[in-house]
Each structure stands twice: as C-alpha cells, then as structure tokens.
Amino acid sequence: MTISIARMTNADATFYPTLGPFLCRRDVAAAVGAPLWDDDGKVWAVARDEAGRVLGFAGVTVKGDVATVCSAYVPGDAPEVWAAVAFHPHDAVNATAEARAEIAELAA
C-alpha cells in the first residue's frame, strides 16, 4: 500500500470535507482520549491511500523548534500509517528551511 501525506489547516477548503467526519465522532474521541479541536494554526498530517481514503491523521502545533502532537488517530492496527503520521512532527521541526517556511505559512 502506498501512503501519501497531505498537510492542511482548518483554513484549507478541503479540511472539513476531509477531517470533518472524524471531528465529532464519539469513537474517535474515545480512541484519542479527548475531543478533537481544529484550532487555528494547527497543521494536520493526513495519511491517505491510493484511492484518496483517509487512513489516519495527526494534528501538530509548531512553536520554534518544538512540535507538539495534539491529536492523532489511526483506526485499527496499522503501524505503517502510525509511522507516516508520526513522522510529520519530526519533519516539521527538522525540515529544511524552505519546508519549515511552508509549514509556518500553513500555520499562520
């Protein structure tokens, strides 16, 4: 399976159609341990399969050199999806200057 990661914020036109179905689900909140919030400035890494289906996601806030995962959800047992969305915070902090500028622009 090929996994692609899309970065988005709640300002993106595709955000609510993509993550909206997960935001208010009791089973998702229970799995995450709290309700999911789509705060301004949070950058979301969304894992999708070849057909565009959402496989999982992680919300990340970045302040300076610190990335904090606020919400992460992958249904079922899918370690390759967890690895894909878990790498996003590392990528946000350790990316090239150009990639960090892109992330900061998304979060602005």
Protein backbone atom coordinates (compact mmCIF):
# COMPACT_ATOMS: atom_id res chain seq x y z
CA MET A 1 0.00 0.00 0.00
CA THR A 2 1.25 3.47 -0.87
CA ILE A 3 0.60 6.11 1.77
CA SER A 4 0.65 9.79 0.91
CA ILE A 5 0.68 12.57 3.50
CA ALA A 6 -1.12 15.85 2.90
CA ARG A 7 -0.57 18.81 5.19
CA MET A 8 -3.51 21.10 5.83
CA THR A 9 -5.02 23.56 8.29
CA ASN A 10 -8.61 24.45 9.03
CA ALA A 11 -8.23 27.31 6.52
CA ASP A 12 -7.90 24.85 3.61
CA ALA A 13 -11.02 24.31 1.53
CA THR A 14 -10.53 20.54 1.78
CA PHE A 15 -10.10 20.45 5.58
CA TYR A 16 -13.70 19.97 6.68
CA PRO A 17 -14.68 17.59 3.88
CA THR A 18 -11.58 15.53 4.74
CA LEU A 19 -11.46 15.59 8.55
CA GLY A 20 -14.97 16.77 9.43
CA PRO A 21 -16.37 13.24 9.51
CA PHE A 22 -13.83 12.40 12.24
CA LEU A 23 -14.06 15.54 14.40
CA CYS A 24 -17.32 14.82 16.22
CA ARG A 25 -17.34 11.02 16.34
CA ARG A 26 -17.53 9.54 19.81
CA ASP A 27 -15.44 6.52 18.80
CA VAL A 28 -12.66 8.78 17.50
CA ALA A 29 -12.72 10.96 20.64
CA ALA A 30 -12.61 7.81 22.78
CA ALA A 31 -9.65 6.43 20.82
CA VAL A 32 -7.77 9.75 21.02
CA GLY A 33 -8.71 10.28 24.66
CA ALA A 34 -10.34 13.68 24.17
CA PRO A 35 -12.43 15.58 21.63
CA LEU A 36 -10.55 16.79 18.57
CA TRP A 37 -10.24 20.56 18.13
CA ASP A 38 -9.39 22.28 14.87
CA ASP A 39 -7.57 25.25 16.40
CA ASP A 40 -6.20 27.94 14.11
CA GLY A 41 -2.50 27.37 13.49
CA LYS A 42 -2.64 23.61 13.97
CA VAL A 43 -1.14 21.77 11.00
CA TRP A 44 -2.65 18.39 10.23
CA ALA A 45 -0.87 15.50 8.55
CA VAL A 46 -3.46 13.37 6.80
CA ALA A 47 -2.47 9.91 5.57
CA ARG A 48 -4.34 8.66 2.51
CA ASP A 49 -4.23 5.52 0.42
CA GLU A 50 -4.03 5.36 -3.38
CA ALA A 51 -7.82 5.85 -3.66
CA GLY A 52 -7.69 9.00 -1.51
CA ARG A 53 -9.30 7.40 1.56
CA VAL A 54 -8.22 8.84 4.91
CA LEU A 55 -6.14 6.24 6.76
CA GLY A 56 -5.29 8.39 9.78
CA PHE A 57 -4.11 11.82 10.83
CA ALA A 58 -2.17 13.83 13.40
CA GLY A 59 -2.63 17.45 14.39
CA VAL A 60 0.55 19.31 15.24
CA THR A 61 1.36 22.73 16.66
CA VAL A 62 4.83 24.11 15.99
CA LYS A 63 6.44 26.77 18.19
CA GLY A 64 10.07 27.44 17.42
CA ASP A 65 11.90 24.13 17.47
CA VAL A 66 9.13 22.28 19.29
CA ALA A 67 6.37 20.34 17.56
CA THR A 68 3.56 19.03 19.75
CA VAL A 69 1.17 16.34 18.56
CA CYS A 70 -2.25 17.46 19.75
CA SER A 71 -4.43 14.80 18.19
CA ALA A 72 -3.57 11.61 16.38
CA TYR A 73 -5.88 8.90 15.13
CA VAL A 74 -5.41 5.77 13.08
CA PRO A 75 -8.25 3.24 13.16
CA GLY A 76 -7.32 -0.37 13.72
CA ASP A 77 -3.87 -1.87 13.73
CA ALA A 78 -1.87 -0.09 11.04
CA PRO A 79 1.73 0.53 12.16
CA GLU A 80 2.75 1.81 8.73
CA VAL A 81 0.08 4.54 8.95
CA TRP A 82 1.13 5.44 12.50
CA ALA A 83 4.71 5.72 11.27
CA ALA A 84 3.64 8.01 8.43
CA VAL A 85 1.62 10.42 10.59
CA ALA A 86 4.09 10.21 13.50
CA PHE A 87 6.95 11.34 11.25
CA HIS A 88 5.10 14.59 10.49
CA PRO A 89 6.09 16.36 13.77
CA HIS A 90 9.70 15.29 13.28
CA ASP A 91 9.53 16.58 9.73
CA ALA A 92 8.03 19.88 10.93
CA VAL A 93 10.94 20.50 13.30
CA ASN A 94 13.82 19.05 11.32
CA ALA A 95 12.81 20.07 7.82
CA THR A 96 14.87 22.24 5.53
CA ALA A 97 14.47 25.99 5.90
CA GLU A 98 12.23 26.00 2.82
CA ALA A 99 9.97 23.27 4.20
CA ARG A 100 9.85 24.98 7.62
CA ALA A 101 8.76 28.21 5.92
CA GLU A 102 5.99 26.31 4.12
CA ILE A 103 4.84 24.76 7.42
CA ALA A 104 4.93 28.14 9.16
CA GLU A 105 2.90 29.64 6.32
CA LEU A 106 0.29 26.90 6.69
CA ALA A 107 0.10 27.55 10.43
CA ALA A 108 -0.18 31.34 10.04
